[in-house]
Amino acid sequence: MSCSIPVTLTIAGSDCSAGAGIQADLKTFQHFHVHGLTAVTCVVSETANQVRAIHPVPVAIVRDQISLMLQSFPVAVAKTGMLYSAAHIAAVAELLWDHPQVQIVVDPVMIASTGASLLEDDALAAYCDQLLPLAQLITPNLPEAEALLGESIADEAAMERAAQHLSEKFQAAILLKGGHLDGPDCVDLLAMGGTIHRFTAARIPVAGSHGTGCTLSAAIAAALAQGQTLPMAIGTAKEYLGKTLRRSYSLRGGGGDTVHALDQGTTFSKNEA
C-alpha cells in the first residue's frame, strides 16, 4: 500500500552518543512525521564533551547510498551535515546537481561544540565552489560564516551584512545563527531575496549545545517537505528547537552535557535521568 508521507534525506555523520548527526536528524524527522532516509558520510566516536575519532566512509559508498535513495524514493528535501572532506563534498554536489527537483538545505558543519574540527582543511573551497551554490538554504553559525567570509562577525549589524553578503555570493537563502553572540536573546537572521527576516528567542540556559544545529536544520527540512514556505519552516523549526532545549536532560555517565531532540510526548523525572 503506497502513501504520501513526505520524504527527506539526511547526508551526514553518525554520532554514537545520538545527540547530533544522523541520529538527531532521524529523531527530528520522526517528530515531524516525515520519512527520513540516510546516507552516512563518517562514523564518529564522540560524546557531547569530546570527539575521539572520525572514520570517513569511503566516497564510493557515500555515492551509492545517495544514488540509491534518490532513485528509489520521491525525496522532497535533502539536508547535509558533516561531510568532512573535499572528495565527499564533490560527490554529494555531483549527485544533487542531477536532481534539481530536490530542495537542498546545507548545514556547513565545520567545528564541533567541543571545538574539534569536523572538516578537512582543503574542504572549505569545495563547499564554496560546488555545494553551496546548489542550496536553497544554508544555515551557518557565526564561526562557520566567518570561515566562509574570511572576516569576523562581532555584532548583529555585522551579522546582517554577513548574511546579505553570503546570500548574494551563493545565490541562496542564508539563515545566520547568532547563538554565539552574548546577550539574553538569540537572534537568527534569514537573508532571502534582498530581505532580512529576524527570528528572536530568549536564550535557554542548558548544559550544552551538542546537536542544536543538526536538529534545527533537520526540522527546517522536514517543514519544507510538508510544503511550508521557508520563513514559516524556520519559525516552525525554531519553535521545535526551543521545546527540545527546554525539555533537555543529562544522563549519568554521559558526560553531563545536554541531549537534544527528546520526543515531546515523553515524560520522566529528571532525577531519574
Protein backbone atom coordinates (compact mmCIF):
# COMPACT_ATOMS: atom_id res chain seq x y z
CA MET A 1 0.00 0.00 0.00
CA SER A 2 1.50 3.33 -1.04
CA CYS A 3 1.10 6.55 0.90
CA SER A 4 2.00 10.21 0.53
CA ILE A 5 4.24 10.74 3.55
CA PRO A 6 6.89 13.38 2.66
CA VAL A 7 10.41 12.00 2.23
CA THR A 8 13.58 13.68 3.47
CA LEU A 9 17.21 12.60 3.10
CA THR A 10 19.99 13.45 5.55
CA ILE A 11 23.58 13.18 4.34
CA ALA A 12 25.68 13.42 7.46
CA GLY A 13 27.89 11.76 10.04
CA SER A 14 26.89 9.17 12.63
CA ASP A 15 27.10 10.33 16.26
CA CYS A 16 27.28 7.31 18.56
CA SER A 17 26.05 9.41 21.51
CA ALA A 18 22.89 10.14 19.45
CA GLY A 19 22.74 13.85 20.24
CA ALA A 20 23.79 15.12 16.82
CA GLY A 21 24.30 13.98 13.25
CA ILE A 22 22.21 11.28 11.59
CA GLN A 23 20.68 10.23 14.89
CA ALA A 24 19.44 13.72 15.78
CA ASP A 25 18.12 14.17 12.24
CA LEU A 26 16.10 10.96 12.34
CA LYS A 27 14.60 11.84 15.74
CA THR A 28 13.58 15.19 14.32
CA PHE A 29 12.14 13.72 11.12
CA GLN A 30 10.13 11.25 13.18
CA HIS A 31 8.68 14.07 15.28
CA PHE A 32 7.51 15.87 12.13
CA HIS A 33 6.01 12.72 10.58
CA VAL A 34 8.23 12.65 7.52
CA HIS A 35 10.03 9.55 6.27
CA GLY A 36 13.74 10.02 6.89
CA LEU A 37 16.41 8.43 4.67
CA THR A 38 20.12 8.47 5.48
CA ALA A 39 23.47 8.50 3.76
CA VAL A 40 26.28 8.15 6.30
CA THR A 41 29.45 10.11 5.48
CA CYS A 42 31.52 9.44 8.61
CA VAL A 43 31.37 7.31 11.72
CA VAL A 44 32.32 9.48 14.69
CA SER A 45 33.28 8.30 18.16
CA GLU A 46 32.03 11.20 20.26
CA THR A 47 30.01 12.47 23.15
CA ALA A 48 28.83 16.00 23.84
CA ASN A 49 32.18 16.60 25.56
CA GLN A 50 34.70 15.06 23.18
CA VAL A 51 35.36 13.92 19.63
CA ARG A 52 37.66 10.94 19.98
CA ALA A 53 37.85 9.54 16.45
CA ILE A 54 36.49 10.18 12.94
CA HIS A 55 36.32 7.39 10.37
CA PRO A 56 35.26 8.64 6.91
CA VAL A 57 33.03 6.29 4.95
CA PRO A 58 34.60 5.60 1.52
CA VAL A 59 33.35 8.11 -1.03
CA ALA A 60 32.11 5.34 -3.34
CA ILE A 61 29.86 4.02 -0.56
CA VAL A 62 28.54 7.52 0.19
CA ARG A 63 27.79 7.99 -3.50
CA ASP A 64 25.99 4.66 -3.69
CA GLN A 65 23.83 5.42 -0.64
CA ILE A 66 22.73 8.77 -2.04
CA SER A 67 22.23 7.47 -5.57
CA LEU A 68 20.12 4.55 -4.40
CA MET A 69 17.93 6.73 -2.18
CA LEU A 70 17.34 9.30 -4.92
CA GLN A 71 16.50 6.57 -7.41
CA SER A 72 14.20 4.68 -5.04
CA PHE A 73 12.25 7.36 -3.16
CA PRO A 74 10.48 10.65 -4.00
CA VAL A 75 12.88 12.77 -1.97
CA ALA A 76 11.44 16.24 -1.40
CA VAL A 77 14.29 17.73 0.62
CA ALA A 78 17.90 16.70 1.23
CA LYS A 79 19.89 18.19 4.07
CA THR A 80 23.61 17.88 4.55
CA GLY A 81 25.53 17.88 7.78
CA MET A 82 29.06 16.63 8.38
CA LEU A 83 30.71 15.97 5.00
CA TYR A 84 34.33 16.06 6.22
CA SER A 85 36.39 16.07 3.02
CA ALA A 86 36.57 17.78 -0.36
CA ALA A 87 36.00 14.42 -2.07
CA HIS A 88 32.82 13.78 -0.07
CA ILE A 89 31.51 17.27 -0.81
CA ALA A 90 32.23 16.91 -4.52
CA ALA A 91 30.41 13.59 -4.69
CA VAL A 92 27.36 14.95 -2.88
CA ALA A 93 27.23 18.05 -5.08
CA GLU A 94 27.52 16.00 -8.28
CA LEU A 95 24.63 13.74 -7.35
CA LEU A 96 22.34 16.52 -6.13
CA TRP A 97 23.06 18.55 -9.26
CA ASP A 98 21.30 15.81 -11.26
CA HIS A 99 18.13 16.10 -9.12
CA PRO A 100 17.00 19.75 -9.35
CA GLN A 101 13.54 18.84 -8.01
CA VAL A 102 15.08 18.15 -4.58
CA GLN A 103 15.31 21.14 -2.26
CA ILE A 104 18.71 21.33 -0.57
CA VAL A 105 19.42 22.54 2.97
CA VAL A 106 23.13 22.78 3.76
CA ASP A 107 24.29 22.90 7.37
CA PRO A 108 28.00 23.58 6.73
CA VAL A 109 29.33 21.59 9.68
CA MET A 110 32.93 22.59 10.39
CA ILE A 111 33.55 22.60 14.14
CA ALA A 112 32.01 20.51 16.92
CA SER A 113 30.61 22.19 20.02
CA THR A 114 33.72 20.87 21.80
CA GLY A 115 35.93 22.87 19.41
CA ALA A 116 37.13 19.81 17.49
CA SER A 117 37.49 20.21 13.72
CA LEU A 118 34.96 18.24 11.67
CA LEU A 119 36.19 19.40 8.25
CA GLU A 120 39.49 18.80 6.49
CA ASP A 121 41.48 21.93 5.62
CA ASP A 122 41.01 21.67 1.86
CA ALA A 123 37.27 21.07 2.04
CA LEU A 124 36.18 24.69 2.54
CA ALA A 125 36.87 25.55 -1.10
CA ALA A 126 34.82 22.55 -2.23
CA TYR A 127 31.89 23.79 -0.13
CA CYS A 128 32.10 27.25 -1.69
CA ASP A 129 32.67 26.17 -5.27
CA GLN A 130 30.49 23.07 -5.59
CA LEU A 131 27.81 22.55 -2.94
CA LEU A 132 26.71 25.91 -1.54
CA PRO A 133 25.67 27.31 -4.95
CA LEU A 134 23.19 24.39 -5.25
CA ALA A 135 21.46 25.08 -1.94
CA GLN A 136 18.09 26.69 -1.36
CA LEU A 137 19.11 27.37 2.25
CA ILE A 138 22.47 27.48 4.06
CA THR A 139 22.47 27.53 7.88
CA PRO A 140 25.90 28.62 9.21
CA ASN A 141 26.59 29.59 12.78
CA LEU A 142 28.88 32.56 13.36
CA PRO A 143 32.23 30.67 13.27
CA GLU A 144 31.15 28.91 10.07
CA ALA A 145 30.05 32.19 8.48
CA GLU A 146 33.36 33.78 9.47
CA ALA A 147 35.20 30.92 7.76
CA LEU A 148 33.09 31.30 4.62
CA LEU A 149 33.64 35.07 4.52
CA GLY A 150 37.18 35.28 5.88
CA GLU A 151 36.20 38.01 8.34
CA SER A 152 34.95 38.33 11.91
CA ILE A 153 31.33 38.96 12.88
CA ALA A 154 31.19 40.87 16.15
CA ASP A 155 27.60 42.09 16.49
CA GLU A 156 24.13 42.00 14.99
CA ALA A 157 24.90 44.74 12.48
CA ALA A 158 27.85 42.70 11.22
CA MET A 159 25.59 39.63 11.14
CA GLU A 160 23.17 41.42 8.82
CA ARG A 161 25.95 42.44 6.45
CA ALA A 162 27.40 38.94 6.52
CA ALA A 163 24.05 37.25 5.84
CA GLN A 164 23.38 39.55 2.87
CA HIS A 165 26.89 39.03 1.51
CA LEU A 166 26.65 35.25 1.75
CA SER A 167 23.20 35.25 0.17
CA GLU A 168 24.47 37.26 -2.78
CA LYS A 169 27.64 35.20 -3.08
CA PHE A 170 25.92 31.82 -3.21
CA GLN A 171 22.53 32.92 -4.61
CA ALA A 172 20.81 31.13 -1.76
CA ALA A 173 18.85 31.99 1.35
CA ILE A 174 21.10 32.26 4.40
CA LEU A 175 19.98 31.56 7.95
CA LEU A 176 22.81 33.03 10.01
CA LYS A 177 22.55 31.74 13.57
CA GLY A 178 23.57 34.22 16.25
CA GLY A 179 23.73 32.00 19.31
CA HIS A 180 27.46 32.65 19.75
CA LEU A 181 26.84 36.35 20.46
CA ASP A 182 26.38 37.38 24.09
CA GLY A 183 23.02 38.58 25.32
CA PRO A 184 19.72 37.43 26.83
CA ASP A 185 18.27 36.63 23.40
CA CYS A 186 19.43 34.52 20.47
CA VAL A 187 18.86 36.31 17.17
CA ASP A 188 18.98 34.41 13.88
CA LEU A 189 18.84 36.32 10.60
CA LEU A 190 17.36 35.00 7.36
CA ALA A 191 18.67 36.78 4.27
CA MET A 192 16.45 35.94 1.32
CA GLY A 193 15.85 37.88 -1.87
CA GLY A 194 17.44 41.05 -0.51
CA THR A 195 15.24 41.00 2.61
CA ILE A 196 16.22 40.26 6.21
CA HIS A 197 13.88 38.32 8.49
CA ARG A 198 14.66 38.22 12.24
CA PHE A 199 13.94 35.27 14.48
CA THR A 200 14.42 36.17 18.14
CA ALA A 201 14.12 33.78 21.07
CA ALA A 202 15.09 34.06 24.71
CA ARG A 203 18.34 32.25 25.48
CA ILE A 204 17.60 28.96 27.21
CA PRO A 205 20.18 28.02 29.88
CA VAL A 206 21.25 24.44 29.19
CA ALA A 207 24.39 22.47 29.98
CA GLY A 208 25.48 22.18 26.35
CA SER A 209 24.57 22.78 22.75
CA HIS A 210 25.56 19.47 21.18
CA GLY A 211 23.27 18.78 18.22
CA THR A 212 21.30 22.02 18.10
CA GLY A 213 22.45 22.89 14.58
CA CYS A 214 21.62 19.42 13.27
CA THR A 215 18.23 19.47 14.95
CA LEU A 216 17.34 22.92 13.61
CA SER A 217 18.33 22.19 10.00
CA ALA A 218 16.57 18.81 10.08
CA ALA A 219 13.40 20.46 11.38
CA ILE A 220 13.56 23.06 8.61
CA ALA A 221 13.99 20.30 6.03
CA ALA A 222 11.01 18.40 7.43
CA ALA A 223 8.79 21.50 7.40
CA LEU A 224 9.82 22.31 3.83
CA ALA A 225 8.96 18.75 2.81
CA GLN A 226 5.49 19.31 4.24
CA GLY A 227 5.05 22.31 1.96
CA GLN A 228 5.74 25.20 4.30
CA THR A 229 7.35 28.35 2.95
CA LEU A 230 10.95 28.95 4.00
CA PRO A 231 10.23 31.66 6.62
CA MET A 232 7.38 29.55 8.01
CA ALA A 233 9.57 26.43 8.09
CA ILE A 234 12.27 28.29 10.01
CA GLY A 235 9.71 29.55 12.51
CA THR A 236 8.38 26.02 12.96
CA ALA A 237 11.90 24.66 13.42
CA LYS A 238 12.87 27.36 15.91
CA GLU A 239 9.79 26.59 17.97
CA TYR A 240 10.63 22.89 17.96
CA LEU A 241 14.26 23.51 18.92
CA GLY A 242 13.14 25.69 21.83
CA LYS A 243 10.90 22.90 23.10
CA THR A 244 13.68 20.32 22.87
CA LEU A 245 16.06 22.61 24.76
CA ARG A 246 13.53 23.31 27.49
CA ARG A 247 12.95 19.56 27.85
CA SER A 248 16.64 18.63 27.57
CA TYR A 249 18.22 16.24 30.01
CA SER A 250 21.57 14.86 31.08
CA LEU A 251 22.35 11.19 31.53
CA ARG A 252 24.58 9.78 34.23
CA GLY A 253 27.82 8.61 32.68
CA GLY A 254 27.19 10.64 29.52
CA GLY A 255 29.48 13.49 30.45
CA GLY A 256 26.83 15.73 31.97
CA ASP A 257 26.00 17.62 28.79
CA THR A 258 22.58 18.08 27.30
CA VAL A 259 20.91 15.63 24.96
CA HIS A 260 18.52 17.17 22.42
CA ALA A 261 15.54 16.16 20.29
CA LEU A 262 13.61 14.34 23.01
CA ASP A 263 10.17 13.43 21.72
CA GLN A 264 7.66 15.94 23.04
CA GLY A 265 5.30 13.24 24.25
CA THR A 266 7.89 11.75 26.61
CA THR A 267 7.69 12.48 30.31
CA PHE A 268 10.05 11.39 33.04
CA SER A 269 11.56 12.50 36.32
CA LYS A 270 14.79 14.42 35.76
CA ASN A 271 16.11 12.86 38.97
CA GLU A 272 15.96 9.52 37.16
CA ALA A 273 17.93 10.66 34.11
